Amino acid sequence: MSLLFGRFRWISFGMLIWLTSCVSMGKISIQVSVPPQRALPGEIQSIVLMNRSMNSTFSNLNQDSLENLFVAKKLEINEILLDSLAADTTLKVVGNALYESGRFDVVIPLLRNIPNNNVTYQTSSPSLTMAQVNQICKEFKVDALLALENFHEKVNTSYGTVYDPTMEYGRVEIYSIFVQLAYYSKWKLYYPGATLKAASFEVKDTIFWEGRGPTLQKTYEELPTIKDALINGAIENGLSLSAFIAPGWQPQKRSYFVTRNKEADMAIEWMNKEQWEEAKKRWMKFANSTSPGLRSQIEYNLALASEMNGNLKEAIQWAEKSFKTKYSKVAEEYIKLLNNRLTLTTAN
């Protein structure tokens, strides 16, 4: 009898631990600002974009002519193509991405091409003078000028037959066409002051497509046209530069406590509407609760609200309060995450 009683007490104590440790938490998806690899000086808040890359050898290459060239060369070309629309697309993509980052005001003038008399696309024009840069920046009321100095793309294609890897029995030959596009651009940032300062950036990478099909015609039709490939390369080119010099956004998850206090949890409705200041006001009413468990959860949620409002230092303070009020692994991990974000932000 005493054995049964002792076992019953042990089971009850275990259930008590399980019940008290069963904390309700939710998760939300957020977008977190990611610092650039090479941040521009803080005094540069507005930028005008100009294009100096195009000489007389550039043209808006005709899509049909490009496809005729592709077919005439039996789907195998290896050529530098200087497309004016692609060069202009890269400039526009950079401008839009810099603006969308929230870091810069951006101007893309209607007349944005600066004459280029270079003999080849690889030759760089002489740097702009202080007078030229001052004139441009004054005209468009900006802090700096970002100029596309050089731009080109190289298309390399090939085709052949391969064995279909999906066939369980036998060996069936299918057609394979490979299109590779290498893009390159060089940029120069001019910002006037007591002296003319400048910074250079280079972007280069490769993208590719592969089509496979039972006939050559069907395989060919699965691939982008050469013109579309050039434009796609230009888009990737522009996005790459923007990601290098401007903050971006990264999807992440965040946890929050569901306290089971009906009044306190009304803040979750505001949180789901991304009205963090209203959520914070609701949680603040319980920040001095006499219950360590509730107070720790509220302090954690207040840390989340502070982070979402852009105040990382305050977020760390609330997270540390939550950790000290009542230990939780989630608060410990959140403090590390916030400190890491603050370090990255400060470094840039």
Protein backbone atom coordinates (compact mmCIF):
# COMPACT_ATOMS: atom_id res chain seq x y z
CA MET A 1 0.00 0.00 0.00
CA SER A 2 2.79 2.39 0.88
CA LEU A 3 4.46 1.49 -2.43
CA LEU A 4 1.36 2.43 -4.38
CA PHE A 5 1.01 5.67 -2.45
CA GLY A 6 4.64 6.59 -3.10
CA ARG A 7 4.25 5.89 -6.81
CA PHE A 8 1.12 8.03 -6.94
CA ARG A 9 2.95 10.94 -5.34
CA TRP A 10 5.81 10.62 -7.87
CA ILE A 11 3.42 10.63 -10.82
CA SER A 12 1.53 13.63 -9.46
CA PHE A 13 4.76 15.56 -8.92
CA GLY A 14 5.86 14.78 -12.48
CA MET A 15 2.54 15.99 -13.86
CA LEU A 16 2.89 19.18 -11.83
CA ILE A 17 6.29 19.87 -13.39
CA TRP A 18 4.87 19.20 -16.87
CA LEU A 19 1.89 21.49 -16.31
CA THR A 20 3.92 24.39 -14.93
CA SER A 21 6.53 24.11 -17.66
CA CYS A 22 3.97 23.96 -20.48
CA VAL A 23 4.18 27.56 -21.68
CA SER A 24 2.13 28.71 -24.66
CA MET A 25 4.07 30.51 -27.35
CA GLY A 26 3.29 31.77 -30.83
CA LYS A 27 5.44 32.64 -33.82
CA ILE A 28 5.29 35.46 -36.32
CA SER A 29 7.09 36.08 -39.61
CA ILE A 30 8.99 39.34 -39.90
CA GLN A 31 11.35 41.11 -42.28
CA VAL A 32 14.70 42.03 -40.74
CA SER A 33 17.02 44.67 -42.18
CA VAL A 34 20.36 43.15 -43.25
CA PRO A 35 23.37 45.50 -43.32
CA PRO A 36 25.23 45.84 -46.66
CA GLN A 37 28.71 44.50 -47.20
CA ARG A 38 29.97 47.99 -48.00
CA ALA A 39 27.87 50.70 -46.41
CA LEU A 40 28.02 54.18 -47.94
CA PRO A 41 28.90 57.18 -45.76
CA GLY A 42 26.03 58.32 -43.54
CA GLU A 43 26.01 61.81 -45.05
CA ILE A 44 24.89 60.36 -48.38
CA GLN A 45 21.11 60.31 -48.13
CA SER A 46 20.18 60.99 -51.76
CA ILE A 47 21.70 59.76 -55.03
CA VAL A 48 21.30 60.50 -58.74
CA LEU A 49 22.05 57.72 -61.24
CA MET A 50 23.70 58.34 -64.62
CA ASN A 51 24.94 56.04 -67.39
CA ARG A 52 28.42 56.52 -68.90
CA SER A 53 28.88 52.96 -70.17
CA MET A 54 27.47 53.15 -73.70
CA ASN A 55 29.57 54.07 -76.71
CA SER A 56 28.63 53.91 -80.39
CA THR A 57 28.87 50.10 -80.46
CA PHE A 58 25.84 49.72 -78.17
CA SER A 59 22.36 49.31 -79.61
CA ASN A 60 18.95 48.03 -78.61
CA LEU A 61 19.53 44.60 -80.12
CA ASN A 62 16.55 43.22 -82.00
CA GLN A 63 15.10 40.04 -80.49
CA ASP A 64 14.39 38.38 -83.84
CA SER A 65 17.85 39.21 -85.15
CA LEU A 66 19.42 37.68 -82.04
CA GLU A 67 17.39 34.50 -82.47
CA ASN A 68 18.31 34.31 -86.14
CA LEU A 69 21.97 34.57 -85.12
CA PHE A 70 21.44 31.84 -82.53
CA VAL A 71 19.88 29.49 -85.08
CA ALA A 72 22.36 30.37 -87.84
CA LYS A 73 25.22 29.36 -85.52
CA LYS A 74 23.49 26.04 -84.83
CA LEU A 75 22.54 27.03 -81.28
CA GLU A 76 26.17 27.56 -80.32
CA ILE A 77 27.37 31.11 -79.78
CA ASN A 78 30.08 32.62 -77.63
CA GLU A 79 29.84 36.38 -77.96
CA ILE A 80 30.00 39.70 -76.13
CA LEU A 81 26.69 41.50 -76.68
CA LEU A 82 26.34 45.22 -75.99
CA ASP A 83 22.66 45.87 -75.48
CA SER A 84 21.61 49.42 -74.61
CA LEU A 85 18.27 48.30 -73.15
CA ALA A 86 20.06 45.86 -70.83
CA ALA A 87 22.47 48.60 -69.69
CA ASP A 88 19.57 50.94 -68.99
CA THR A 89 17.68 48.15 -67.20
CA THR A 90 20.60 47.61 -64.84
CA LEU A 91 20.58 51.31 -63.96
CA LYS A 92 16.83 51.32 -63.29
CA VAL A 93 17.00 48.17 -61.18
CA VAL A 94 19.74 49.68 -59.02
CA GLY A 95 17.72 52.86 -58.56
CA ASN A 96 14.54 51.02 -57.60
CA ALA A 97 16.35 48.65 -55.23
CA LEU A 98 18.24 51.48 -53.49
CA TYR A 99 14.97 53.33 -52.99
CA GLU A 100 13.12 50.22 -51.77
CA SER A 101 15.84 49.63 -49.18
CA GLY A 102 14.54 52.70 -47.35
CA ARG A 103 18.09 54.02 -47.00
CA PHE A 104 18.22 56.47 -49.93
CA ASP A 105 16.21 58.94 -51.92
CA VAL A 106 16.95 58.21 -55.58
CA VAL A 107 16.70 60.25 -58.78
CA ILE A 108 16.85 58.60 -62.23
CA PRO A 109 16.78 61.48 -64.74
CA LEU A 110 14.96 61.24 -68.04
CA LEU A 111 18.20 62.30 -69.75
CA ARG A 112 20.55 59.98 -67.88
CA ASN A 113 23.13 58.99 -70.53
CA ILE A 114 26.43 60.87 -70.41
CA PRO A 115 28.16 60.81 -73.84
CA ASN A 116 30.90 58.20 -74.11
CA ASN A 117 33.52 58.38 -76.88
CA ASN A 118 35.53 55.36 -75.78
CA VAL A 119 36.81 53.10 -78.54
CA THR A 120 35.84 49.86 -76.73
CA TYR A 121 33.31 48.88 -74.11
CA GLN A 122 36.17 47.91 -71.75
CA THR A 123 37.76 51.37 -71.76
CA SER A 124 36.90 53.58 -68.79
CA SER A 125 36.14 57.24 -69.32
CA PRO A 126 38.22 59.80 -67.39
CA SER A 127 36.77 60.51 -63.95
CA LEU A 128 34.32 63.37 -63.72
CA THR A 129 35.64 66.65 -62.35
CA MET A 130 34.53 68.41 -59.20
CA ALA A 131 32.74 71.01 -61.33
CA GLN A 132 30.83 68.36 -63.29
CA VAL A 133 29.77 66.48 -60.18
CA ASN A 134 28.78 69.65 -58.35
CA GLN A 135 26.67 70.74 -61.31
CA ILE A 136 24.84 67.39 -61.53
CA CYS A 137 24.28 67.12 -57.77
CA LYS A 138 23.06 70.70 -57.58
CA GLU A 139 20.70 70.26 -60.54
CA PHE A 140 19.02 67.22 -59.01
CA LYS A 141 19.41 68.34 -55.37
CA VAL A 142 21.21 65.19 -54.21
CA ASP A 143 24.25 64.34 -52.10
CA ALA A 144 26.04 62.05 -54.54
CA LEU A 145 26.22 60.73 -58.10
CA LEU A 146 26.36 57.00 -58.90
CA ALA A 147 27.57 56.42 -62.47
CA LEU A 148 27.56 53.20 -64.48
CA GLU A 149 31.03 53.36 -66.04
CA ASN A 150 31.29 50.01 -67.88
CA PHE A 151 28.79 47.34 -68.83
CA HIS A 152 28.80 44.24 -70.99
CA GLU A 153 27.35 40.74 -71.17
CA LYS A 154 28.68 37.56 -72.72
CA VAL A 155 26.42 34.77 -73.98
CA ASN A 156 27.77 31.24 -74.29
CA THR A 157 25.50 28.43 -75.51
CA SER A 158 25.83 24.78 -76.46
CA TYR A 159 23.60 21.86 -77.30
CA GLY A 160 23.80 18.12 -77.63
CA THR A 161 22.05 14.92 -76.62
CA VAL A 162 22.03 13.18 -73.26
CA TYR A 163 20.36 10.08 -71.88
CA ASP A 164 17.09 10.71 -70.04
CA PRO A 165 17.82 9.98 -66.34
CA THR A 166 14.12 9.45 -65.56
CA MET A 167 13.80 6.33 -67.72
CA GLU A 168 13.70 3.22 -65.57
CA TYR A 169 14.39 0.82 -68.42
CA GLY A 170 16.44 1.36 -71.54
CA ARG A 171 18.43 4.39 -72.65
CA VAL A 172 16.49 7.15 -74.38
CA GLU A 173 18.36 10.09 -75.88
CA ILE A 174 16.93 13.58 -75.38
CA TYR A 175 18.12 17.02 -76.47
CA SER A 176 19.85 19.40 -74.05
CA ILE A 177 20.50 23.11 -74.68
CA PHE A 178 22.62 25.12 -72.25
CA VAL A 179 22.58 28.94 -72.15
CA GLN A 180 25.07 30.76 -69.94
CA LEU A 181 25.16 34.52 -69.47
CA ALA A 182 28.07 36.32 -67.77
CA TYR A 183 27.42 39.93 -66.78
CA TYR A 184 29.85 42.66 -65.77
CA SER A 185 29.48 46.23 -64.61
CA LYS A 186 31.73 48.85 -63.07
CA TRP A 187 30.34 51.77 -61.09
CA LYS A 188 31.75 54.91 -59.57
CA LEU A 189 30.21 56.87 -56.72
CA TYR A 190 31.11 60.57 -56.67
CA TYR A 191 30.31 62.71 -53.65
CA PRO A 192 31.48 66.30 -53.44
CA GLY A 193 32.68 68.08 -50.35
CA ALA A 194 35.84 70.02 -49.53
CA THR A 195 37.37 67.65 -52.10
CA LEU A 196 35.77 65.29 -54.60
CA LYS A 197 35.58 61.80 -53.13
CA ALA A 198 34.97 58.69 -55.18
CA ALA A 199 34.46 54.98 -54.62
CA SER A 200 34.43 52.20 -57.22
CA PHE A 201 32.41 48.99 -57.35
CA GLU A 202 32.60 46.02 -59.69
CA VAL A 203 29.87 43.45 -60.24
CA LYS A 204 30.35 40.20 -62.13
CA ASP A 205 28.64 36.84 -62.04
CA THR A 206 27.08 34.17 -64.23
CA ILE A 207 23.57 32.82 -64.58
CA PHE A 208 22.44 29.95 -66.77
CA TRP A 209 19.47 28.02 -68.09
CA GLU A 210 19.22 24.45 -69.33
CA GLY A 211 16.41 22.97 -71.40
CA ARG A 212 15.78 19.29 -72.07
CA GLY A 213 13.20 17.74 -74.35
CA PRO A 214 12.38 14.96 -76.80
CA THR A 215 12.86 17.22 -79.84
CA LEU A 216 15.23 20.05 -80.60
CA GLN A 217 12.34 22.44 -81.30
CA LYS A 218 10.57 21.70 -78.01
CA THR A 219 13.81 22.06 -76.06
CA TYR A 220 14.57 25.37 -77.78
CA GLU A 221 11.11 26.71 -76.93
CA GLU A 222 11.61 26.01 -73.21
CA LEU A 223 14.51 28.46 -72.98
CA PRO A 224 14.40 32.25 -72.73
CA THR A 225 15.22 34.16 -75.90
CA ILE A 226 18.70 35.65 -76.08
CA LYS A 227 17.16 39.10 -75.57
CA ASP A 228 15.33 37.91 -72.45
CA ALA A 229 18.56 36.37 -71.16
CA LEU A 230 20.32 39.72 -71.58
CA ILE A 231 17.56 41.52 -69.65
CA ASN A 232 17.60 38.88 -66.92
CA GLY A 233 21.35 39.33 -66.60
CA ALA A 234 20.88 43.08 -66.34
CA ILE A 235 18.35 42.62 -63.53
CA GLU A 236 20.65 40.31 -61.59
CA ASN A 237 23.49 42.77 -62.16
CA GLY A 238 21.52 45.65 -60.65
CA LEU A 239 20.24 43.66 -57.69
CA SER A 240 23.77 42.48 -56.91
CA LEU A 241 25.12 46.03 -56.68
CA SER A 242 22.21 47.23 -54.57
CA ALA A 243 22.63 44.32 -52.13
CA PHE A 244 26.32 45.21 -51.84
CA ILE A 245 25.88 48.89 -50.89
CA ALA A 246 22.36 49.13 -49.40
CA PRO A 247 20.61 47.31 -46.57
CA GLY A 248 18.32 44.50 -47.60
CA TRP A 249 15.52 42.52 -46.01
CA GLN A 250 15.59 38.94 -44.78
CA PRO A 251 12.58 36.88 -43.64
CA GLN A 252 12.90 35.59 -40.08
CA LYS A 253 10.70 34.13 -37.35
CA ARG A 254 10.11 35.56 -33.88
CA SER A 255 8.46 33.95 -30.85
CA TYR A 256 6.09 35.64 -28.44
CA PHE A 257 4.38 34.56 -25.22
CA VAL A 258 0.66 33.90 -24.99
CA THR A 259 0.23 34.71 -21.29
CA ARG A 260 -3.33 33.36 -20.88
CA ASN A 261 -4.19 36.69 -19.26
CA LYS A 262 -7.09 37.80 -21.47
CA GLU A 263 -6.45 41.52 -21.04
CA ALA A 264 -2.70 41.24 -21.65
CA ASP A 265 -3.20 38.98 -24.66
CA MET A 266 -5.42 41.58 -26.33
CA ALA A 267 -2.08 43.08 -27.40
CA ILE A 268 -1.67 40.15 -29.80
CA GLU A 269 -4.47 41.58 -31.96
CA TRP A 270 -2.48 44.80 -32.36
CA MET A 271 0.69 42.79 -32.99
CA ASN A 272 -0.99 40.86 -35.82
CA LYS A 273 -1.93 44.19 -37.39
CA GLU A 274 1.74 45.26 -37.08
CA GLN A 275 0.67 48.11 -34.78
CA TRP A 276 3.51 47.56 -32.36
CA GLU A 277 3.14 50.79 -30.41
CA GLU A 278 -0.44 49.87 -29.49
CA ALA A 279 0.64 46.34 -28.55
CA LYS A 280 3.41 47.78 -26.41
CA LYS A 281 0.97 50.05 -24.53
CA ARG A 282 -1.23 47.06 -23.70
CA TRP A 283 1.70 44.94 -22.47
CA MET A 284 3.13 47.84 -20.44
CA LYS A 285 0.09 47.68 -18.14
CA PHE A 286 1.40 44.35 -16.88
CA ALA A 287 5.12 45.12 -16.77
CA ASN A 288 5.04 45.43 -12.96
CA SER A 289 3.01 42.29 -12.29
CA THR A 290 3.73 40.64 -8.94
CA SER A 291 3.74 37.25 -10.68
CA PRO A 292 7.33 36.57 -11.86
CA GLY A 293 6.06 34.20 -14.55
CA LEU A 294 3.65 36.72 -16.08
CA ARG A 295 6.06 39.62 -15.68
CA SER A 296 8.87 37.70 -17.42
CA GLN A 297 6.60 36.87 -20.36
CA ILE A 298 5.41 40.46 -20.66
CA GLU A 299 9.00 41.76 -20.54
CA TYR A 300 9.92 39.36 -23.32
CA ASN A 301 7.00 40.55 -25.44
CA LEU A 302 8.02 44.15 -24.78
CA ALA A 303 11.50 43.28 -26.07
CA LEU A 304 9.89 42.04 -29.27
CA ALA A 305 7.81 45.23 -29.61
CA SER A 306 10.94 47.35 -29.12
CA GLU A 307 12.81 45.40 -31.79
CA MET A 308 9.93 45.81 -34.23
CA ASN A 309 9.91 49.55 -33.49
CA GLY A 310 13.61 49.67 -34.43
CA ASN A 311 15.03 50.21 -30.94
CA LEU A 312 17.49 47.34 -30.49
CA LYS A 313 19.09 48.70 -27.31
CA GLU A 314 15.72 48.95 -25.59
CA ALA A 315 14.83 45.48 -26.88
CA ILE A 316 17.98 44.06 -25.25
CA GLN A 317 17.13 45.77 -21.96
CA TRP A 318 13.65 44.22 -21.89
CA ALA A 319 14.95 40.79 -22.89
CA GLU A 320 17.54 40.90 -20.09
CA LYS A 321 14.82 41.89 -17.60
CA SER A 322 12.75 38.93 -18.73
CA PHE A 323 15.74 36.60 -18.32
CA LYS A 324 16.48 37.91 -14.81
CA THR A 325 12.85 37.89 -13.67
CA LYS A 326 12.47 34.23 -14.58
CA TYR A 327 14.92 32.12 -16.52
CA SER A 328 13.83 30.87 -19.92
CA LYS A 329 15.87 29.41 -22.74
CA VAL A 330 13.92 31.45 -25.28
CA ALA A 331 14.89 34.72 -23.56
CA GLU A 332 18.52 33.63 -23.37
CA GLU A 333 18.57 32.92 -27.12
CA TYR A 334 16.74 36.15 -27.90
CA ILE A 335 19.34 38.22 -26.04
CA LYS A 336 22.09 36.63 -28.16
CA LEU A 337 20.15 37.32 -31.37
CA LEU A 338 19.50 40.96 -30.45
CA ASN A 339 23.12 41.58 -29.46
CA ASN A 340 24.27 40.09 -32.76
CA ARG A 341 21.88 42.36 -34.70
CA LEU A 342 23.09 45.40 -32.75
CA THR A 343 26.75 44.52 -33.45
CA LEU A 344 26.11 44.18 -37.18
CA THR A 345 24.12 47.42 -37.28
CA THR A 346 26.79 49.35 -35.37
CA ALA A 347 29.58 47.96 -37.55
CA ASN A 348 27.87 49.32 -40.66
